């Protein structure tokens, strides 16, 4: 019951990482407002959890929609302790010279502007109450280059920077702001990219397991949900402005093949000499 008595709003809650977080938060005693544009799926999932859950339609590219979802959660549950912004898309894909401006703008709207709107309207509630945790989905593509399409990468770098700035502003109100930088996880969105079918989660797991630095271990939606649980809970009460990776060590250079220096050889010194001096 690590979230007992707390109320969370989770965007992108109808599937993937959002749905995994809903389950994990509710298991830990949290009341959850499920927010998504997928109304049928969101309502069905909320109904599964009874009085601990509600569904609100929320289009995070529309600030009024975000504001209304926050207000609905407070009207139902009386407070807001956690905002987990997990809604996302792959967005515009392709070389810069062939990227339509409208696709670029829509991708930034969902991945960066949406994160800002969610943080803004969470902050307006959390600052007066003097507590809260705001969590946004970044990505390993928000830490490194070459891992995602241009708009996605730019947006996720923006989320990392926004997280740091918001944390600096809101710390005095005891509101913590953190992000999660996930690698490719076995979710419907990633399955669609890897296999062409969002339903082929098991096939995606096999592909991800083969490429994982943690041999045979794919990244799962539950891994991100557990990271979000820690950031939402009082266990992370002295952590803010942080981007927590769930990537099997990929962003520190871990690979499935292991590092080039994995095999022993005698020490290499100046000008190609080997062995310790005087040996």
C-alpha atoms as a PDB file:
ATOM      1  CA  UNK A   1       0.000   0.000   0.000  1.00  0.00           C
ATOM      2  CA  UNK A   2       2.751   2.426  -0.976  1.00  0.00           C
ATOM      3  CA  UNK A   3       0.232   4.874  -2.473  1.00  0.00           C
ATOM      4  CA  UNK A   4      -2.533   4.470   0.088  1.00  0.00           C
ATOM      5  CA  UNK A   5      -4.657   7.599   0.349  1.00  0.00           C
ATOM      6  CA  UNK A   6      -3.163   9.162  -2.786  1.00  0.00           C
ATOM      7  CA  UNK A   7      -4.906  10.166  -6.010  1.00  0.00           C
ATOM      8  CA  UNK A   8      -3.215   9.933  -9.408  1.00  0.00           C
ATOM      9  CA  UNK A   9      -4.108  11.122 -12.881  1.00  0.00           C
ATOM     10  CA  UNK A  10      -2.532   9.032 -15.642  1.00  0.00           C
ATOM     11  CA  UNK A  11      -2.658  10.074 -19.297  1.00  0.00           C
ATOM     12  CA  UNK A  12      -2.415   7.496 -22.049  1.00  0.00           C
ATOM     13  CA  UNK A  13      -4.017   5.209 -19.480  1.00  0.00           C
ATOM     14  CA  UNK A  14      -6.021   2.983 -21.808  1.00  0.00           C
ATOM     15  CA  UNK A  15      -3.107   0.903 -23.087  1.00  0.00           C
ATOM     16  CA  UNK A  16       0.606   0.167 -22.893  1.00  0.00           C
ATOM     17  CA  UNK A  17       2.660   1.810 -20.155  1.00  0.00           C
ATOM     18  CA  UNK A  18      -0.300   3.882 -18.961  1.00  0.00           C
ATOM     19  CA  UNK A  19      -2.491   0.818 -18.418  1.00  0.00           C
ATOM     20  CA  UNK A  20       0.351  -0.983 -16.616  1.00  0.00           C
ATOM     21  CA  UNK A  21       0.762   2.024 -14.320  1.00  0.00           C
ATOM     22  CA  UNK A  22      -2.972   2.104 -13.601  1.00  0.00           C
ATOM     23  CA  UNK A  23      -2.865  -1.505 -12.426  1.00  0.00           C
ATOM     24  CA  UNK A  24       0.307  -1.023 -10.392  1.00  0.00           C
ATOM     25  CA  UNK A  25      -0.911   2.179  -8.706  1.00  0.00           C
ATOM     26  CA  UNK A  26      -4.278   0.682  -7.803  1.00  0.00           C
ATOM     27  CA  UNK A  27      -2.577  -2.424  -6.389  1.00  0.00           C
ATOM     28  CA  UNK A  28      -0.703  -0.051  -4.085  1.00  0.00           C
ATOM     29  CA  UNK A  29      -3.847   1.632  -2.779  1.00  0.00           C
ATOM     30  CA  UNK A  30      -4.104   4.642  -5.109  1.00  0.00           C
ATOM     31  CA  UNK A  31      -7.290   6.079  -6.585  1.00  0.00           C
ATOM     32  CA  UNK A  32      -6.711   6.733 -10.290  1.00  0.00           C
ATOM     33  CA  UNK A  33      -8.242   8.937 -12.951  1.00  0.00           C
ATOM     34  CA  UNK A  34      -7.633   7.225 -16.287  1.00  0.00           C
ATOM     35  CA  UNK A  35      -7.271   9.796 -19.071  1.00  0.00           C
ATOM     36  CA  UNK A  36      -7.037   9.004 -22.771  1.00  0.00           C
ATOM     37  CA  UNK A  37      -8.549   9.699 -26.187  1.00  0.00           C
ATOM     38  CA  UNK A  38      -9.396   5.988 -26.463  1.00  0.00           C
ATOM     39  CA  UNK A  39     -12.808   6.212 -24.822  1.00  0.00           C
ATOM     40  CA  UNK A  40     -14.083   2.643 -25.164  1.00  0.00           C
ATOM     41  CA  UNK A  41     -10.841   1.106 -23.908  1.00  0.00           C
ATOM     42  CA  UNK A  42     -10.494   3.655 -21.112  1.00  0.00           C
ATOM     43  CA  UNK A  43     -14.028   3.196 -19.837  1.00  0.00           C
ATOM     44  CA  UNK A  44     -13.685  -0.588 -19.904  1.00  0.00           C
ATOM     45  CA  UNK A  45     -10.434  -0.479 -17.935  1.00  0.00           C
ATOM     46  CA  UNK A  46     -11.835   1.943 -15.361  1.00  0.00           C
ATOM     47  CA  UNK A  47     -14.900  -0.267 -14.875  1.00  0.00           C
ATOM     48  CA  UNK A  48     -12.587  -3.181 -14.065  1.00  0.00           C
ATOM     49  CA  UNK A  49     -11.311  -1.361 -10.966  1.00  0.00           C
ATOM     50  CA  UNK A  50     -14.623  -0.129  -9.590  1.00  0.00           C
ATOM     51  CA  UNK A  51     -14.667   2.761  -7.143  1.00  0.00           C
ATOM     52  CA  UNK A  52     -10.882   3.174  -7.196  1.00  0.00           C
ATOM     53  CA  UNK A  53     -10.941   4.377 -10.794  1.00  0.00           C
ATOM     54  CA  UNK A  54     -12.685   6.767 -13.137  1.00  0.00           C
ATOM     55  CA  UNK A  55     -12.255   7.586 -16.819  1.00  0.00           C
ATOM     56  CA  UNK A  56     -12.034  11.042 -18.359  1.00  0.00           C
ATOM     57  CA  UNK A  57     -11.604  11.796 -22.034  1.00  0.00           C
ATOM     58  CA  UNK A  58      -8.446  13.852 -22.359  1.00  0.00           C
ATOM     59  CA  UNK A  59      -6.673  15.124 -25.460  1.00  0.00           C
ATOM     60  CA  UNK A  60      -3.342  16.364 -24.121  1.00  0.00           C
ATOM     61  CA  UNK A  61      -2.777  18.624 -27.141  1.00  0.00           C
ATOM     62  CA  UNK A  62      -5.780  20.667 -25.961  1.00  0.00           C
ATOM     63  CA  UNK A  63      -5.035  22.600 -22.762  1.00  0.00           C
ATOM     64  CA  UNK A  64      -8.732  22.995 -21.954  1.00  0.00           C
ATOM     65  CA  UNK A  65      -9.152  19.222 -22.162  1.00  0.00           C
ATOM     66  CA  UNK A  66      -6.259  18.690 -19.743  1.00  0.00           C
ATOM     67  CA  UNK A  67      -7.630  21.304 -17.344  1.00  0.00           C
ATOM     68  CA  UNK A  68     -11.076  19.684 -17.423  1.00  0.00           C
ATOM     69  CA  UNK A  69      -9.602  16.240 -16.718  1.00  0.00           C
ATOM     70  CA  UNK A  70      -7.738  17.575 -13.676  1.00  0.00           C
ATOM     71  CA  UNK A  71     -10.906  19.267 -12.418  1.00  0.00           C
ATOM     72  CA  UNK A  72     -12.904  16.053 -12.919  1.00  0.00           C
ATOM     73  CA  UNK A  73     -10.378  14.042 -10.889  1.00  0.00           C
ATOM     74  CA  UNK A  74     -10.574  16.539  -8.021  1.00  0.00           C
ATOM     75  CA  UNK A  75     -14.379  16.601  -8.170  1.00  0.00           C
ATOM     76  CA  UNK A  76     -14.428  12.805  -7.854  1.00  0.00           C
ATOM     77  CA  UNK A  77     -11.577  12.134  -5.435  1.00  0.00           C
ATOM     78  CA  UNK A  78     -11.044  15.468  -3.668  1.00  0.00           C
ATOM     79  CA  UNK A  79      -7.324  15.965  -4.357  1.00  0.00           C
ATOM     80  CA  UNK A  80      -4.462  15.218  -6.765  1.00  0.00           C
ATOM     81  CA  UNK A  81      -1.159  13.792  -5.557  1.00  0.00           C
ATOM     82  CA  UNK A  82       0.374  12.332  -8.713  1.00  0.00           C
ATOM     83  CA  UNK A  83       0.343  13.347 -12.365  1.00  0.00           C
ATOM     84  CA  UNK A  84       1.844  10.670 -14.615  1.00  0.00           C
ATOM     85  CA  UNK A  85       1.986  11.913 -18.193  1.00  0.00           C
ATOM     86  CA  UNK A  86       2.495   8.700 -20.162  1.00  0.00           C
ATOM     87  CA  UNK A  87       0.506   9.540 -23.312  1.00  0.00           C
ATOM     88  CA  UNK A  88       2.643   9.403 -26.421  1.00  0.00           C
ATOM     89  CA  UNK A  89       3.061   8.577 -30.084  1.00  0.00           C
ATOM     90  CA  UNK A  90       5.977   7.757 -32.381  1.00  0.00           C
ATOM     91  CA  UNK A  91       5.061  10.767 -34.478  1.00  0.00           C
ATOM     92  CA  UNK A  92       6.677  12.012 -37.658  1.00  0.00           C
ATOM     93  CA  UNK A  93       9.199   9.591 -39.177  1.00  0.00           C
ATOM     94  CA  UNK A  94      11.788  10.202 -41.872  1.00  0.00           C
ATOM     95  CA  UNK A  95      14.668  12.404 -43.043  1.00  0.00           C
ATOM     96  CA  UNK A  96      14.523  16.077 -42.110  1.00  0.00           C
ATOM     97  CA  UNK A  97      14.215  17.140 -45.756  1.00  0.00           C
ATOM     98  CA  UNK A  98      11.093  15.006 -46.139  1.00  0.00           C
ATOM     99  CA  UNK A  99       9.384  15.777 -42.828  1.00  0.00           C
ATOM    100  CA  UNK A 100       6.084  17.637 -43.339  1.00  0.00           C
ATOM    101  CA  UNK A 101       5.810  20.671 -41.091  1.00  0.00           C
ATOM    102  CA  UNK A 102       2.308  19.695 -39.990  1.00  0.00           C
ATOM    103  CA  UNK A 103       3.537  16.278 -38.829  1.00  0.00           C
ATOM    104  CA  UNK A 104       6.443  17.887 -36.968  1.00  0.00           C
ATOM    105  CA  UNK A 105       4.132  20.321 -35.187  1.00  0.00           C
ATOM    106  CA  UNK A 106       1.610  17.640 -34.234  1.00  0.00           C
ATOM    107  CA  UNK A 107       4.357  15.403 -32.818  1.00  0.00           C
ATOM    108  CA  UNK A 108       5.732  18.264 -30.696  1.00  0.00           C
ATOM    109  CA  UNK A 109       2.176  19.088 -29.652  1.00  0.00           C
ATOM    110  CA  UNK A 110       1.582  15.588 -28.270  1.00  0.00           C
ATOM    111  CA  UNK A 111       4.994  14.835 -26.776  1.00  0.00           C
ATOM    112  CA  UNK A 112       6.168  18.207 -25.449  1.00  0.00           C
ATOM    113  CA  UNK A 113       3.290  20.666 -25.315  1.00  0.00           C
ATOM    114  CA  UNK A 114       1.082  17.955 -23.830  1.00  0.00           C
ATOM    115  CA  UNK A 115       3.650  17.274 -21.119  1.00  0.00           C
ATOM    116  CA  UNK A 116       3.716  20.984 -20.293  1.00  0.00           C
ATOM    117  CA  UNK A 117      -0.075  21.300 -20.102  1.00  0.00           C
ATOM    118  CA  UNK A 118      -0.259  18.289 -17.770  1.00  0.00           C
ATOM    119  CA  UNK A 119       2.471  19.671 -15.527  1.00  0.00           C
ATOM    120  CA  UNK A 120       0.926  23.153 -15.544  1.00  0.00           C
ATOM    121  CA  UNK A 121      -2.498  22.002 -14.409  1.00  0.00           C
ATOM    122  CA  UNK A 122      -1.088  19.536 -11.897  1.00  0.00           C
ATOM    123  CA  UNK A 123       1.021  22.356 -10.439  1.00  0.00           C
ATOM    124  CA  UNK A 124      -1.959  24.683 -10.016  1.00  0.00           C
ATOM    125  CA  UNK A 125      -3.472  22.075  -7.699  1.00  0.00           C
ATOM    126  CA  UNK A 126      -0.341  20.735  -6.025  1.00  0.00           C
ATOM    127  CA  UNK A 127       1.294  24.050  -5.132  1.00  0.00           C
ATOM    128  CA  UNK A 128      -1.581  25.241  -2.893  1.00  0.00           C
ATOM    129  CA  UNK A 129      -1.775  21.843  -1.164  1.00  0.00           C
ATOM    130  CA  UNK A 130       2.009  21.841  -0.637  1.00  0.00           C
ATOM    131  CA  UNK A 131       2.749  18.392  -2.030  1.00  0.00           C
ATOM    132  CA  UNK A 132       2.709  16.313  -5.176  1.00  0.00           C
ATOM    133  CA  UNK A 133       4.677  14.328  -7.721  1.00  0.00           C
ATOM    134  CA  UNK A 134       4.690  15.116 -11.452  1.00  0.00           C
ATOM    135  CA  UNK A 135       6.156  12.418 -13.702  1.00  0.00           C
ATOM    136  CA  UNK A 136       6.618  12.640 -17.475  1.00  0.00           C
ATOM    137  CA  UNK A 137       7.690  10.058 -20.007  1.00  0.00           C
ATOM    138  CA  UNK A 138      10.976  10.989 -21.625  1.00  0.00           C
ATOM    139  CA  UNK A 139      12.972   8.388 -23.573  1.00  0.00           C
ATOM    140  CA  UNK A 140      16.487   7.184 -24.196  1.00  0.00           C
ATOM    141  CA  UNK A 141      16.039   9.268 -27.361  1.00  0.00           C
ATOM    142  CA  UNK A 142      15.793  12.255 -25.024  1.00  0.00           C
ATOM    143  CA  UNK A 143      19.280  11.528 -23.686  1.00  0.00           C
ATOM    144  CA  UNK A 144      21.137  10.388 -26.816  1.00  0.00           C
ATOM    145  CA  UNK A 145      21.014  11.125 -30.520  1.00  0.00           C
ATOM    146  CA  UNK A 146      20.266   8.694 -33.324  1.00  0.00           C
ATOM    147  CA  UNK A 147      17.728   6.563 -31.463  1.00  0.00           C
ATOM    148  CA  UNK A 148      14.447   8.029 -32.683  1.00  0.00           C
ATOM    149  CA  UNK A 149      12.905  10.198 -35.391  1.00  0.00           C
ATOM    150  CA  UNK A 150      13.771  13.908 -35.351  1.00  0.00           C
ATOM    151  CA  UNK A 151      10.552  15.284 -33.861  1.00  0.00           C
ATOM    152  CA  UNK A 152      10.353  12.526 -31.249  1.00  0.00           C
ATOM    153  CA  UNK A 153      13.973  13.072 -30.223  1.00  0.00           C
ATOM    154  CA  UNK A 154      13.597  16.852 -30.042  1.00  0.00           C
ATOM    155  CA  UNK A 155      10.419  16.535 -27.967  1.00  0.00           C
ATOM    156  CA  UNK A 156      11.916  14.032 -25.529  1.00  0.00           C
ATOM    157  CA  UNK A 157      15.035  16.175 -25.048  1.00  0.00           C
ATOM    158  CA  UNK A 158      12.576  18.978 -24.323  1.00  0.00           C
ATOM    159  CA  UNK A 159      10.818  16.854 -21.692  1.00  0.00           C
ATOM    160  CA  UNK A 160      14.133  16.252 -19.912  1.00  0.00           C
ATOM    161  CA  UNK A 161      14.889  19.990 -19.871  1.00  0.00           C
ATOM    162  CA  UNK A 162      11.344  20.901 -18.850  1.00  0.00           C
ATOM    163  CA  UNK A 163      11.559  18.417 -15.979  1.00  0.00           C
ATOM    164  CA  UNK A 164      14.683  20.096 -14.607  1.00  0.00           C
ATOM    165  CA  UNK A 165      13.217  23.596 -14.896  1.00  0.00           C
ATOM    166  CA  UNK A 166       9.888  22.680 -13.337  1.00  0.00           C
ATOM    167  CA  UNK A 167      11.668  20.891 -10.507  1.00  0.00           C
ATOM    168  CA  UNK A 168      13.658  24.047  -9.781  1.00  0.00           C
ATOM    169  CA  UNK A 169      10.493  26.148  -9.721  1.00  0.00           C
ATOM    170  CA  UNK A 170       8.244  23.818  -7.719  1.00  0.00           C
ATOM    171  CA  UNK A 171      10.675  22.514  -5.094  1.00  0.00           C
ATOM    172  CA  UNK A 172       9.779  25.336  -2.700  1.00  0.00           C
ATOM    173  CA  UNK A 173       6.176  24.107  -2.801  1.00  0.00           C
ATOM    174  CA  UNK A 174       7.269  20.543  -1.979  1.00  0.00           C
ATOM    175  CA  UNK A 175       6.178  19.419  -5.432  1.00  0.00           C
ATOM    176  CA  UNK A 176       8.601  16.997  -7.061  1.00  0.00           C
ATOM    177  CA  UNK A 177       9.065  16.731 -10.834  1.00  0.00           C
ATOM    178  CA  UNK A 178      10.824  13.783 -12.475  1.00  0.00           C
ATOM    179  CA  UNK A 179      10.925  11.915 -15.768  1.00  0.00           C
ATOM    180  CA  UNK A 180      11.445   8.361 -16.959  1.00  0.00           C
ATOM    181  CA  UNK A 181      13.681   7.654 -19.957  1.00  0.00           C
ATOM    182  CA  UNK A 182      12.606   4.276 -21.270  1.00  0.00           C
ATOM    183  CA  UNK A 183      14.207   2.245 -24.010  1.00  0.00           C
ATOM    184  CA  UNK A 184      11.974   0.354 -26.442  1.00  0.00           C
ATOM    185  CA  UNK A 185       9.575  -1.564 -24.227  1.00  0.00           C
ATOM    186  CA  UNK A 186       7.168  -4.344 -25.201  1.00  0.00           C
ATOM    187  CA  UNK A 187       4.077  -2.184 -25.692  1.00  0.00           C
ATOM    188  CA  UNK A 188       1.514  -2.002 -28.525  1.00  0.00           C
ATOM    189  CA  UNK A 189       3.232   1.099 -29.953  1.00  0.00           C
ATOM    190  CA  UNK A 190       6.637  -0.587 -30.070  1.00  0.00           C
ATOM    191  CA  UNK A 191       5.114  -3.847 -31.353  1.00  0.00           C
ATOM    192  CA  UNK A 192       3.592  -1.863 -34.210  1.00  0.00           C
ATOM    193  CA  UNK A 193       7.008  -0.417 -35.111  1.00  0.00           C
ATOM    194  CA  UNK A 194       8.821  -3.761 -34.846  1.00  0.00           C
ATOM    195  CA  UNK A 195       6.241  -6.107 -36.381  1.00  0.00           C
ATOM    196  CA  UNK A 196       3.642  -3.926 -38.087  1.00  0.00           C
ATOM    197  CA  UNK A 197       0.967  -5.194 -35.681  1.00  0.00           C
ATOM    198  CA  UNK A 198       0.314  -3.574 -32.272  1.00  0.00           C
ATOM    199  CA  UNK A 199      -1.157  -6.862 -31.046  1.00  0.00           C
ATOM    200  CA  UNK A 200       2.031  -8.883 -31.500  1.00  0.00           C
ATOM    201  CA  UNK A 201       3.423  -8.141 -28.044  1.00  0.00           C
ATOM    202  CA  UNK A 202       4.985 -11.595 -27.630  1.00  0.00           C
ATOM    203  CA  UNK A 203       6.824 -11.278 -30.934  1.00  0.00           C
ATOM    204  CA  UNK A 204       8.056  -7.838 -29.883  1.00  0.00           C
ATOM    205  CA  UNK A 205       9.297  -9.311 -26.591  1.00  0.00           C
ATOM    206  CA  UNK A 206      11.400 -11.859 -28.487  1.00  0.00           C
ATOM    207  CA  UNK A 207      12.938  -9.190 -30.717  1.00  0.00           C
ATOM    208  CA  UNK A 208      13.681  -6.929 -27.756  1.00  0.00           C
ATOM    209  CA  UNK A 209      15.097  -9.819 -25.694  1.00  0.00           C
ATOM    210  CA  UNK A 210      17.636 -10.601 -28.416  1.00  0.00           C
ATOM    211  CA  UNK A 211      18.857  -6.996 -28.510  1.00  0.00           C
ATOM    212  CA  UNK A 212      18.776  -6.396 -24.755  1.00  0.00           C
ATOM    213  CA  UNK A 213      22.042  -5.717 -22.885  1.00  0.00           C
ATOM    214  CA  UNK A 214      20.480  -7.748 -20.054  1.00  0.00           C
ATOM    215  CA  UNK A 215      20.723 -11.034 -21.933  1.00  0.00           C
ATOM    216  CA  UNK A 216      17.332 -12.452 -22.845  1.00  0.00           C
ATOM    217  CA  UNK A 217      15.416  -9.844 -20.827  1.00  0.00           C
ATOM    218  CA  UNK A 218      13.097  -7.553 -22.809  1.00  0.00           C
ATOM    219  CA  UNK A 219      11.873  -4.267 -21.397  1.00  0.00           C
ATOM    220  CA  UNK A 220       8.255  -4.479 -20.237  1.00  0.00           C
ATOM    221  CA  UNK A 221       5.546  -1.910 -19.600  1.00  0.00           C
ATOM    222  CA  UNK A 222       5.606  -3.119 -15.995  1.00  0.00           C
ATOM    223  CA  UNK A 223       9.233  -2.003 -15.663  1.00  0.00           C
ATOM    224  CA  UNK A 224       8.229   1.574 -16.404  1.00  0.00           C
ATOM    225  CA  UNK A 225       5.159   1.285 -14.182  1.00  0.00           C
ATOM    226  CA  UNK A 226       7.387   0.218 -11.287  1.00  0.00           C
ATOM    227  CA  UNK A 227       9.705   3.176 -11.907  1.00  0.00           C
ATOM    228  CA  UNK A 228       6.684   5.493 -11.933  1.00  0.00           C
ATOM    229  CA  UNK A 229       5.443   3.880  -8.710  1.00  0.00           C
ATOM    230  CA  UNK A 230       8.709   4.726  -6.956  1.00  0.00           C
ATOM    231  CA  UNK A 231       8.661   8.309  -8.224  1.00  0.00           C
ATOM    232  CA  UNK A 232       5.009   8.661  -7.206  1.00  0.00           C
ATOM    233  CA  UNK A 233       5.571   7.285  -3.714  1.00  0.00           C
ATOM    234  CA  UNK A 234       7.083   8.918  -0.635  1.00  0.00           C
ATOM    235  CA  UNK A 235      10.055   6.559  -1.037  1.00  0.00           C
ATOM    236  CA  UNK A 236      11.434   9.027  -3.597  1.00  0.00           C
ATOM    237  CA  UNK A 237      10.628  11.989  -1.377  1.00  0.00           C
ATOM    238  CA  UNK A 238      14.110  13.542  -1.729  1.00  0.00           C
ATOM    239  CA  UNK A 239      14.339  13.077  -5.506  1.00  0.00           C
ATOM    240  CA  UNK A 240      13.387  15.818  -7.941  1.00  0.00           C
ATOM    241  CA  UNK A 241      14.624  17.029 -11.319  1.00  0.00           C
ATOM    242  CA  UNK A 242      15.821  13.515 -12.114  1.00  0.00           C
ATOM    243  CA  UNK A 243      15.435  11.476 -15.309  1.00  0.00           C
ATOM    244  CA  UNK A 244      15.354   7.803 -14.337  1.00  0.00           C
ATOM    245  CA  UNK A 245      16.364   5.359 -17.064  1.00  0.00           C
ATOM    246  CA  UNK A 246      14.682   2.018 -17.664  1.00  0.00           C
ATOM    247  CA  UNK A 247      16.963   0.841 -20.461  1.00  0.00           C
ATOM    248  CA  UNK A 248      19.031  -2.175 -19.310  1.00  0.00           C
ATOM    249  CA  UNK A 249      22.086   0.102 -19.266  1.00  0.00           C
ATOM    250  CA  UNK A 250      21.921   1.008 -22.946  1.00  0.00           C
ATOM    251  CA  UNK A 251      22.595   4.712 -22.390  1.00  0.00           C
ATOM    252  CA  UNK A 252      25.791   3.923 -20.454  1.00  0.00           C
ATOM    253  CA  UNK A 253      27.119   1.778 -23.287  1.00  0.00           C
ATOM    254  CA  UNK A 254      25.858  -1.681 -22.350  1.00  0.00           C
ATOM    255  CA  UNK A 255      25.169  -3.921 -25.346  1.00  0.00           C
ATOM    256  CA  UNK A 256      24.052  -7.498 -25.925  1.00  0.00           C
ATOM    257  CA  UNK A 257      27.561  -8.334 -27.167  1.00  0.00           C
ATOM    258  CA  UNK A 258      29.302  -6.834 -24.142  1.00  0.00           C
ATOM    259  CA  UNK A 259      32.104  -4.254 -24.133  1.00  0.00           C
ATOM    260  CA  UNK A 260      35.220  -4.433 -26.294  1.00  0.00           C
ATOM    261  CA  UNK A 261      37.389  -4.649 -23.155  1.00  0.00           C
ATOM    262  CA  UNK A 262      35.677  -7.733 -21.757  1.00  0.00           C
ATOM    263  CA  UNK A 263      38.649 -10.067 -22.289  1.00  0.00           C
ATOM    264  CA  UNK A 264      41.838  -9.765 -20.268  1.00  0.00           C
ATOM    265  CA  UNK A 265      45.104  -8.737 -21.905  1.00  0.00           C
ATOM    266  CA  UNK A 266      48.310  -7.394 -20.380  1.00  0.00           C
ATOM    267  CA  UNK A 267      48.313  -3.693 -19.554  1.00  0.00           C
ATOM    268  CA  UNK A 268      48.907  -1.452 -22.564  1.00  0.00           C
ATOM    269  CA  UNK A 269      51.179   1.525 -21.970  1.00  0.00           C
ATOM    270  CA  UNK A 270      52.824   4.332 -23.893  1.00  0.00           C
ATOM    271  CA  UNK A 271      53.832   3.777 -27.521  1.00  0.00           C
ATOM    272  CA  UNK A 272      52.158   0.391 -27.590  1.00  0.00           C
ATOM    273  CA  UNK A 273      54.337  -1.183 -24.881  1.00  0.00           C
ATOM    274  CA  UNK A 274      52.718  -3.870 -22.738  1.00  0.00           C
ATOM    275  CA  UNK A 275      53.281  -5.078 -19.193  1.00  0.00           C
ATOM    276  CA  UNK A 276      53.995  -3.084 -16.059  1.00  0.00           C
ATOM    277  CA  UNK A 277      57.146  -0.929 -15.999  1.00  0.00           C
ATOM    278  CA  UNK A 278      60.209  -2.965 -14.981  1.00  0.00           C
ATOM    279  CA  UNK A 279      58.554  -6.314 -15.613  1.00  0.00           C
END
